[in-house]
Amino acid sequence: MTESAHTYGHYVPLQGEAQSDDNDSSTGNELINLAQIFAIAVLMLGFLYIMSYLVPVDPQISVQITGVAGLDDLRRPAVSPFFNLTIHVDNGPSRQQACRPNSAVIMYSGDDSIAWGKVPAFCVEKRSKVDLDVSLSSRRTILSRALRNKMASDGLRLSVEMKPINPEPSSEACLFVCNDIAPEPTACTQCCFWPYKKGTTQSIP
């Protein structure tokens, strides 16, 4: 009897085990790649976490006017203004304590200084806030007629500057400038200079 393909079929070598080995190898490589990506991500997060402690974050400072006196009638020959300010210091974003030295606070109307005050040295703990009340006066200085007329015509466009009174000659000196302050908190801009040069701070009468 003649053998037929229908009876016995064609015998083909089986490749099942070799395919299984290839699949296992591919899966293993994918797992290794995922593990490497995860390890890199963990290292990057750890680096950013450490840098958040090493790199200081400056506190956010804003100023608002809480009281004004002596500017009711700018036509009077003797005008001696007085201001109450609240300085808000927000150290919430920082993981470190923030400290500031004794500082002079100067009130400006345009480019003219009209009142002065002082803020004692202070520190704000990490992730916390503090409010500082400060009084500014003209220190018995009478505003000139030209300045009074300018303030009457242009309106009260006030700004505040806060800077160290006696900064160390070899240290960074930072001042805060707050423009167009109002009864609502006004954000301040920080400007720092390094190295500090003597004679750049304004004296307080």
Protein backbone atom coordinates (compact mmCIF):
# COMPACT_ATOMS: atom_id res chain seq x y z
CA MET A 1 0.00 0.00 0.00
CA THR A 2 1.30 3.38 -0.94
CA GLU A 3 1.79 5.89 1.89
CA SER A 4 0.01 9.18 1.37
CA ALA A 5 0.34 12.60 2.88
CA HIS A 6 -3.31 12.36 3.91
CA THR A 7 -2.55 9.29 5.96
CA TYR A 8 0.67 10.28 7.69
CA GLY A 9 1.04 13.98 6.96
CA HIS A 10 4.29 15.89 6.68
CA TYR A 11 6.49 15.90 9.70
CA VAL A 12 7.78 19.40 10.58
CA PRO A 13 10.25 20.07 13.46
CA LEU A 14 8.49 21.76 16.38
CA GLN A 15 9.78 25.23 17.43
CA GLY A 16 7.60 25.84 20.49
CA GLU A 17 10.34 25.76 23.13
CA ALA A 18 12.64 28.11 21.19
CA GLN A 19 9.82 30.68 20.82
CA SER A 20 9.13 30.50 24.54
CA ASP A 21 12.79 31.23 25.29
CA ASP A 22 12.74 34.27 23.01
CA ASN A 23 9.59 35.63 24.71
CA ASP A 24 11.12 35.19 28.16
CA SER A 25 14.26 37.05 27.06
CA SER A 26 12.23 39.93 25.64
CA THR A 27 10.14 40.20 28.82
CA GLY A 28 13.27 40.21 30.93
CA ASN A 29 14.81 43.05 28.92
CA GLU A 30 11.62 45.11 29.30
CA LEU A 31 11.66 44.61 33.06
CA ILE A 32 15.31 45.67 33.22
CA ASN A 33 14.55 48.82 31.21
CA LEU A 34 11.61 49.69 33.48
CA ALA A 35 13.78 49.16 36.56
CA GLN A 36 16.44 51.46 35.16
CA ILE A 37 13.89 54.18 34.35
CA PHE A 38 12.42 53.87 37.86
CA ALA A 39 15.88 54.10 39.44
CA ILE A 40 16.72 57.24 37.43
CA ALA A 41 13.40 58.84 38.42
CA VAL A 42 14.05 58.08 42.11
CA LEU A 43 17.55 59.57 41.88
CA MET A 44 16.23 62.73 40.24
CA LEU A 45 13.53 63.15 42.89
CA GLY A 46 16.10 62.61 45.61
CA PHE A 47 18.41 65.19 44.04
CA LEU A 48 15.61 67.76 43.84
CA TYR A 49 14.63 67.03 47.45
CA ILE A 50 18.20 67.56 48.66
CA MET A 51 18.58 70.74 46.60
CA SER A 52 15.41 72.13 48.16
CA TYR A 53 17.30 72.12 51.47
CA LEU A 54 20.64 73.33 50.12
CA VAL A 55 19.36 76.15 47.89
CA PRO A 56 17.71 78.89 49.99
CA VAL A 57 14.34 80.28 48.91
CA ASP A 58 13.85 83.94 49.72
CA PRO A 59 10.71 84.78 51.71
CA GLN A 60 7.92 86.66 49.98
CA ILE A 61 7.44 90.15 51.43
CA SER A 62 4.48 92.47 50.94
CA VAL A 63 3.56 95.80 52.55
CA GLN A 64 0.25 97.50 53.20
CA ILE A 65 -0.68 100.88 54.65
CA THR A 66 -2.78 100.56 57.79
CA GLY A 67 -2.83 104.22 58.83
CA VAL A 68 -2.05 107.71 57.50
CA ALA A 69 -1.99 111.04 59.34
CA GLY A 70 -0.86 114.57 58.57
CA LEU A 71 -1.77 114.58 54.87
CA ASP A 72 -5.37 115.77 55.16
CA ASP A 73 -4.61 119.29 53.92
CA LEU A 74 -1.52 119.61 51.74
CA ARG A 75 -2.12 123.35 51.41
CA ARG A 76 -1.04 123.94 55.01
CA PRO A 77 2.48 125.42 55.33
CA ALA A 78 3.56 122.75 57.81
CA VAL A 79 2.89 119.18 56.72
CA SER A 80 4.44 116.38 58.75
CA PRO A 81 3.14 112.96 57.59
CA PHE A 82 2.87 109.83 59.69
CA PHE A 83 2.27 106.28 58.45
CA ASN A 84 1.51 102.90 59.94
CA LEU A 85 2.60 99.91 57.86
CA THR A 86 2.21 96.17 58.17
CA ILE A 87 4.98 94.10 56.59
CA HIS A 88 3.90 90.56 55.73
CA VAL A 89 6.71 88.00 55.56
CA ASP A 90 5.77 84.63 54.06
CA ASN A 91 8.45 81.96 54.42
CA GLY A 92 6.07 79.17 53.47
CA PRO A 93 7.90 77.99 50.33
CA SER A 94 11.22 77.67 52.17
CA ARG A 95 12.57 74.72 54.13
CA GLN A 96 14.98 76.96 56.01
CA GLN A 97 14.72 79.71 58.60
CA ALA A 98 14.90 83.22 57.10
CA CYS A 99 16.47 86.11 59.03
CA ARG A 100 16.81 89.81 58.28
CA PRO A 101 19.02 92.37 60.06
CA ASN A 102 17.99 95.73 61.50
CA SER A 103 16.50 97.58 58.55
CA ALA A 104 15.58 101.10 57.58
CA VAL A 105 12.12 101.64 56.09
CA ILE A 106 11.74 104.70 53.89
CA MET A 107 8.50 106.06 52.45
CA TYR A 108 8.67 107.83 49.10
CA SER A 109 6.28 110.06 47.22
CA GLY A 110 7.66 109.78 43.72
CA ASP A 111 11.42 110.27 44.08
CA ASP A 112 11.18 112.24 47.35
CA SER A 113 11.51 110.58 50.75
CA ILE A 114 8.85 111.81 53.16
CA ALA A 115 8.95 109.46 56.18
CA TRP A 116 11.33 107.08 57.88
CA GLY A 117 11.17 104.19 60.30
CA LYS A 118 13.04 101.12 61.50
CA VAL A 119 12.37 97.38 61.66
CA PRO A 120 14.35 95.40 64.24
CA ALA A 121 16.16 92.24 63.22
CA PHE A 122 13.85 89.24 62.94
CA CYS A 123 13.72 85.60 61.92
CA VAL A 124 10.88 83.60 60.39
CA GLU A 125 10.80 79.84 60.82
CA LYS A 126 10.54 77.59 57.80
CA ARG A 127 7.06 77.19 56.30
CA SER A 128 5.64 79.96 58.47
CA LYS A 129 4.47 83.58 58.24
CA VAL A 130 4.84 86.69 60.37
CA ASP A 131 3.39 90.21 60.32
CA LEU A 132 5.50 93.18 61.41
CA ASP A 133 3.97 96.54 62.35
CA VAL A 134 6.13 99.60 61.80
CA SER A 135 5.52 103.33 62.21
CA LEU A 136 7.06 105.92 59.90
CA SER A 137 7.21 109.65 60.50
CA SER A 138 8.82 112.69 58.91
CA ARG A 139 10.99 113.06 62.03
CA ARG A 140 10.00 116.73 62.36
CA THR A 141 10.98 117.37 58.76
CA ILE A 142 8.57 119.78 57.04
CA LEU A 143 7.66 119.00 53.45
CA SER A 144 8.57 121.72 51.00
CA ARG A 145 5.87 123.74 49.22
CA ALA A 146 6.96 122.34 45.84
CA LEU A 147 6.62 118.78 47.12
CA ARG A 148 3.24 119.51 48.72
CA ASN A 149 1.95 120.99 45.46
CA LYS A 150 3.26 118.01 43.52
CA MET A 151 1.57 115.57 45.90
CA ALA A 152 -1.68 117.54 45.69
CA SER A 153 -1.67 117.56 41.88
CA ASP A 154 -0.36 114.04 41.22
CA GLY A 155 -2.06 112.32 44.14
CA LEU A 156 -0.46 110.05 46.71
CA ARG A 157 1.60 107.53 44.77
CA LEU A 158 3.61 106.03 47.59
CA SER A 159 6.39 103.48 47.58
CA VAL A 160 8.45 101.86 50.33
CA GLU A 161 12.05 100.78 50.47
CA MET A 162 13.46 98.51 53.18
CA LYS A 163 17.20 97.88 53.46
CA PRO A 164 19.82 96.95 56.07
CA ILE A 165 20.99 99.78 58.32
CA ASN A 166 24.52 98.51 58.97
CA PRO A 167 25.24 95.58 56.65
CA GLU A 168 28.54 93.76 56.89
CA PRO A 169 31.07 95.03 54.32
CA SER A 170 31.77 91.47 53.14
CA SER A 171 28.15 90.28 53.02
CA GLU A 172 25.34 90.50 50.52
CA ALA A 173 23.07 93.50 51.01
CA CYS A 174 19.43 93.05 50.00
CA LEU A 175 16.77 95.72 49.81
CA PHE A 176 13.05 95.44 49.14
CA VAL A 177 11.18 97.91 46.94
CA CYS A 178 7.38 98.10 47.10
CA ASN A 179 5.79 100.41 44.53
CA ASP A 180 2.31 101.96 44.59
CA ILE A 181 1.45 100.61 48.04
CA ALA A 182 -2.15 100.77 49.19
CA PRO A 183 -4.43 99.55 51.98
CA GLU A 184 -4.22 96.14 50.30
CA PRO A 185 -0.98 94.12 50.53
CA THR A 186 1.47 95.11 47.79
CA ALA A 187 4.15 92.65 46.73
CA CYS A 188 7.76 93.79 47.04
CA THR A 189 10.72 93.16 44.76
CA GLN A 190 14.03 92.07 46.25
CA CYS A 191 17.31 93.47 44.94
CA CYS A 192 20.63 92.16 46.24
CA PHE A 193 24.16 93.42 45.70
CA TRP A 194 27.43 91.55 46.18
CA PRO A 195 29.81 92.63 47.49
CA TYR A 196 28.24 95.42 49.52
CA LYS A 197 29.87 98.81 49.21
CA LYS A 198 29.79 101.22 52.12
CA GLY A 199 27.97 104.46 51.68
CA THR A 200 25.07 103.20 49.55
CA THR A 201 22.42 103.21 52.27
CA GLN A 202 20.36 106.31 52.96
CA SER A 203 20.84 107.84 56.38
CA ILE A 204 17.84 108.19 58.64
CA PRO A 205 17.34 111.63 60.18
